[in-house]
Protein backbone atom coordinates (compact mmCIF):
# COMPACT_ATOMS: atom_id res chain seq x y z
CA UNK A 1 0.00 0.00 0.00
CA UNK A 2 1.28 3.43 -0.92
CA UNK A 3 2.81 5.54 1.82
CA UNK A 4 0.57 8.52 1.15
CA UNK A 5 -2.31 6.50 2.66
CA UNK A 6 -0.26 6.02 5.84
CA UNK A 7 0.95 9.62 6.03
CA UNK A 8 -2.61 10.83 5.54
CA UNK A 9 -3.96 8.40 8.13
CA UNK A 10 -1.50 9.72 10.71
CA UNK A 11 -2.46 13.27 9.74
CA UNK A 12 -6.15 12.35 10.05
CA UNK A 13 -5.60 10.92 13.55
CA UNK A 14 -3.57 13.97 14.60
CA UNK A 15 -6.19 16.44 13.34
CA UNK A 16 -9.07 14.54 14.93
CA UNK A 17 -7.47 13.35 18.19
CA UNK A 18 -4.13 15.11 18.58
CA UNK A 19 -0.45 14.37 18.20
CA UNK A 20 -0.40 12.45 21.49
CA UNK A 21 -2.78 9.87 20.01
CA UNK A 22 -0.46 9.46 16.99
CA UNK A 23 2.54 9.02 19.30
CA UNK A 24 0.64 6.50 21.45
CA UNK A 25 -0.52 4.61 18.39
CA UNK A 26 2.99 4.30 16.96
CA UNK A 27 4.59 3.54 20.34
CA UNK A 28 2.07 0.85 21.27
CA UNK A 29 1.96 -1.06 17.99
CA UNK A 30 4.61 -3.30 16.55
CA UNK A 31 5.12 -1.86 13.07
CA UNK A 32 7.87 -3.09 10.74
CA UNK A 33 8.25 0.49 9.49
CA UNK A 34 8.44 1.90 13.01
CA UNK A 35 5.60 4.21 12.00
CA UNK A 36 7.83 6.18 9.62
CA UNK A 37 6.31 6.55 6.16
CA UNK A 38 7.24 8.23 2.89
CA UNK A 39 4.40 9.10 0.52
CA UNK A 40 5.92 7.38 -2.54
CA UNK A 41 7.15 4.17 -0.90
CA UNK A 42 5.05 1.06 -0.41
CA UNK A 43 4.25 -0.56 2.94
CA UNK A 44 2.50 -3.66 4.18
CA UNK A 45 -1.27 -3.12 4.20
CA UNK A 46 -1.43 -4.95 7.54
CA UNK A 47 0.29 -1.96 9.16
CA UNK A 48 -2.77 0.13 8.30
CA UNK A 49 -4.98 -2.56 9.84
CA UNK A 50 -2.87 -2.48 13.03
CA UNK A 51 -3.05 1.34 13.20
CA UNK A 52 -6.78 1.38 12.46
CA UNK A 53 -7.51 -1.33 15.05
CA UNK A 54 -5.50 0.47 17.73
CA UNK A 55 -7.16 3.81 16.97
CA UNK A 56 -10.61 2.20 16.96
CA UNK A 57 -10.06 0.54 20.34
CA UNK A 58 -8.66 3.69 21.93
CA UNK A 59 -11.47 5.93 20.66
CA UNK A 60 -14.26 3.33 20.82
CA UNK A 61 -15.23 4.34 17.28
CA UNK A 62 -16.09 1.48 14.92
CA UNK A 63 -13.46 0.86 12.27
CA UNK A 64 -16.01 1.29 9.45
CA UNK A 65 -16.88 4.77 10.77
CA UNK A 66 -13.19 5.67 10.98
CA UNK A 67 -12.57 4.41 7.44
CA UNK A 68 -15.44 6.47 6.04
CA UNK A 69 -14.27 9.58 7.90
CA UNK A 70 -10.74 8.92 6.66
CA UNK A 71 -11.95 8.61 3.06
CA UNK A 72 -13.70 11.97 3.39
CA UNK A 73 -10.52 13.43 4.89
CA UNK A 74 -8.28 12.13 2.08
CA UNK A 75 -10.42 13.23 -0.87
CA UNK A 76 -9.45 16.95 -0.72
CA UNK A 77 -5.78 15.91 -0.49
CA UNK A 78 -6.09 13.76 -3.61
CA UNK A 79 -7.90 16.48 -5.53
CA UNK A 80 -5.46 19.12 -4.33
CA UNK A 81 -2.53 17.08 -5.60
CA UNK A 82 -4.23 16.00 -8.82
CA UNK A 83 -6.75 18.74 -9.64
CA UNK A 84 -6.32 18.13 -13.37
CA UNK A 85 -8.34 14.93 -12.95
CA UNK A 86 -11.54 16.65 -11.79
CA UNK A 87 -11.28 19.38 -14.43
CA UNK A 88 -12.56 16.87 -16.99
CA UNK A 89 -15.85 16.47 -15.13
CA UNK A 90 -18.74 18.81 -14.38
CA UNK A 91 -21.07 16.21 -12.86
CA UNK A 92 -20.37 13.90 -9.92
CA UNK A 93 -21.78 10.74 -11.49
CA UNK A 94 -19.61 11.28 -14.59
CA UNK A 95 -16.61 11.65 -12.30
CA UNK A 96 -17.45 8.49 -10.34
CA UNK A 97 -18.22 6.51 -13.50
CA UNK A 98 -14.78 7.55 -14.77
CA UNK A 99 -12.81 6.12 -11.85
CA UNK A 100 -11.83 2.90 -13.59
CA UNK A 101 -11.19 4.11 -17.13
CA UNK A 102 -9.71 7.53 -16.46
CA UNK A 103 -8.78 8.27 -12.86
CA UNK A 104 -7.07 4.95 -12.12
CA UNK A 105 -5.14 5.20 -15.39
CA UNK A 106 -3.81 8.56 -14.20
CA UNK A 107 -2.99 7.08 -10.77
CA UNK A 108 -1.05 4.23 -12.42
CA UNK A 109 1.08 6.80 -14.27
CA UNK A 110 2.24 8.16 -10.91
CA UNK A 111 2.21 4.96 -8.85
CA UNK A 112 2.78 2.20 -11.41
CA UNK A 113 2.97 -0.50 -8.74
CA UNK A 114 -0.22 0.55 -6.92
CA UNK A 115 -2.70 -2.27 -6.21
CA UNK A 116 -5.90 -0.40 -7.00
CA UNK A 117 -9.45 -1.57 -6.42
CA UNK A 118 -11.82 -1.79 -9.37
CA UNK A 119 -15.00 0.24 -9.83
CA UNK A 120 -17.19 -1.20 -12.56
CA UNK A 121 -20.31 0.64 -13.67
CA UNK A 122 -23.26 -1.74 -13.36
CA UNK A 123 -26.09 0.71 -14.05
CA UNK A 124 -26.42 4.42 -14.71
CA UNK A 125 -29.21 6.99 -14.93
CA UNK A 126 -29.17 10.78 -14.60
CA UNK A 127 -29.57 10.58 -10.80
CA UNK A 128 -28.24 7.15 -9.89
CA UNK A 129 -25.06 5.19 -10.40
CA UNK A 130 -24.46 1.60 -9.37
CA UNK A 131 -20.83 0.58 -9.01
CA UNK A 132 -19.31 -2.79 -8.24
CA UNK A 133 -16.35 -2.19 -5.97
CA UNK A 134 -13.78 -4.96 -5.76
CA UNK A 135 -10.62 -4.83 -3.71
CA UNK A 136 -8.07 -7.20 -2.24
CA UNK A 137 -8.39 -5.16 0.96
CA UNK A 138 -11.35 -4.47 3.21
CA UNK A 139 -11.56 -0.76 2.51
CA UNK A 140 -15.16 -0.48 1.30
CA UNK A 141 -15.97 2.24 3.83
CA UNK A 142 -12.86 4.20 2.85
CA UNK A 143 -14.19 4.12 -0.74
CA UNK A 144 -17.62 5.22 0.50
CA UNK A 145 -16.01 8.17 2.28
CA UNK A 146 -14.18 9.15 -0.92
CA UNK A 147 -17.43 8.87 -2.90
CA UNK A 148 -19.40 10.95 -0.39
CA UNK A 149 -16.75 13.64 -0.36
CA UNK A 150 -16.69 13.67 -4.16
CA UNK A 151 -20.40 14.52 -4.06
CA UNK A 152 -19.55 17.42 -1.74
CA UNK A 153 -16.83 18.50 -4.16
CA UNK A 154 -19.47 18.86 -6.88
CA UNK A 155 -21.80 20.60 -4.41
CA UNK A 156 -24.56 18.00 -4.56
CA UNK A 157 -26.27 15.92 -1.92
CA UNK A 158 -26.55 12.22 -2.30
CA UNK A 159 -26.54 8.85 -0.62
CA UNK A 160 -24.23 5.88 -0.92
CA UNK A 161 -25.72 2.55 0.07
CA UNK A 162 -24.36 -0.98 0.09
CA UNK A 163 -26.66 -3.51 -1.55
CA UNK A 164 -26.35 -6.47 0.83
CA UNK A 165 -28.20 -8.78 -1.58
CA UNK A 166 -25.29 -8.69 -4.04
CA UNK A 167 -22.95 -11.71 -4.21
CA UNK A 168 -19.96 -10.77 -2.01
CA UNK A 169 -17.67 -12.95 -4.14
CA UNK A 170 -18.32 -10.56 -7.02
CA UNK A 171 -17.50 -7.44 -4.98
CA UNK A 172 -19.54 -4.84 -3.14
CA UNK A 173 -22.49 -3.25 -4.91
CA UNK A 174 -22.69 0.47 -4.17
CA UNK A 175 -25.80 2.44 -5.08
CA UNK A 176 -25.12 6.17 -5.37
CA UNK A 177 -28.25 8.30 -5.54
CA UNK A 178 -28.24 12.06 -6.11
CA UNK A 179 -30.75 13.93 -3.95
CA UNK A 180 -30.30 17.41 -5.39
């Protein structure tokens, strides 16, 4: 997993719960990296799981809630660093439908060894988009946070729901509905 996820997670924890929490988290977990991350290097995904689990236990906030909040936190960073990507889109559903065939291609140019999830468009109308999210990691709620914050970026309200009836072996079915 790319280091920018780790550096942003530590920044997220610091901004939400203070530097002392970051220090405690790093001091009280056994991380191969020692909790030192560089944005462009790659690190074991399990280190993020260890950090997330520790933070969740200390704050008594469910990990899925933390992941969604973290996704919302990271989105402005990603757009700030790569604003040229959003300039091609004027509507949020166009942007989200373009993740796989445009945005991830741009990401691969920068991080050619990144293990990216897939976002396949299953269905699309003017106000609704159904995506199938598939990842080797359990970061569905991080993706939901990114999606929700992308709606904010385009100044629209919407909902993101998981369709529990979908076959989990095929991925996670996300229904994104615009409300405005």
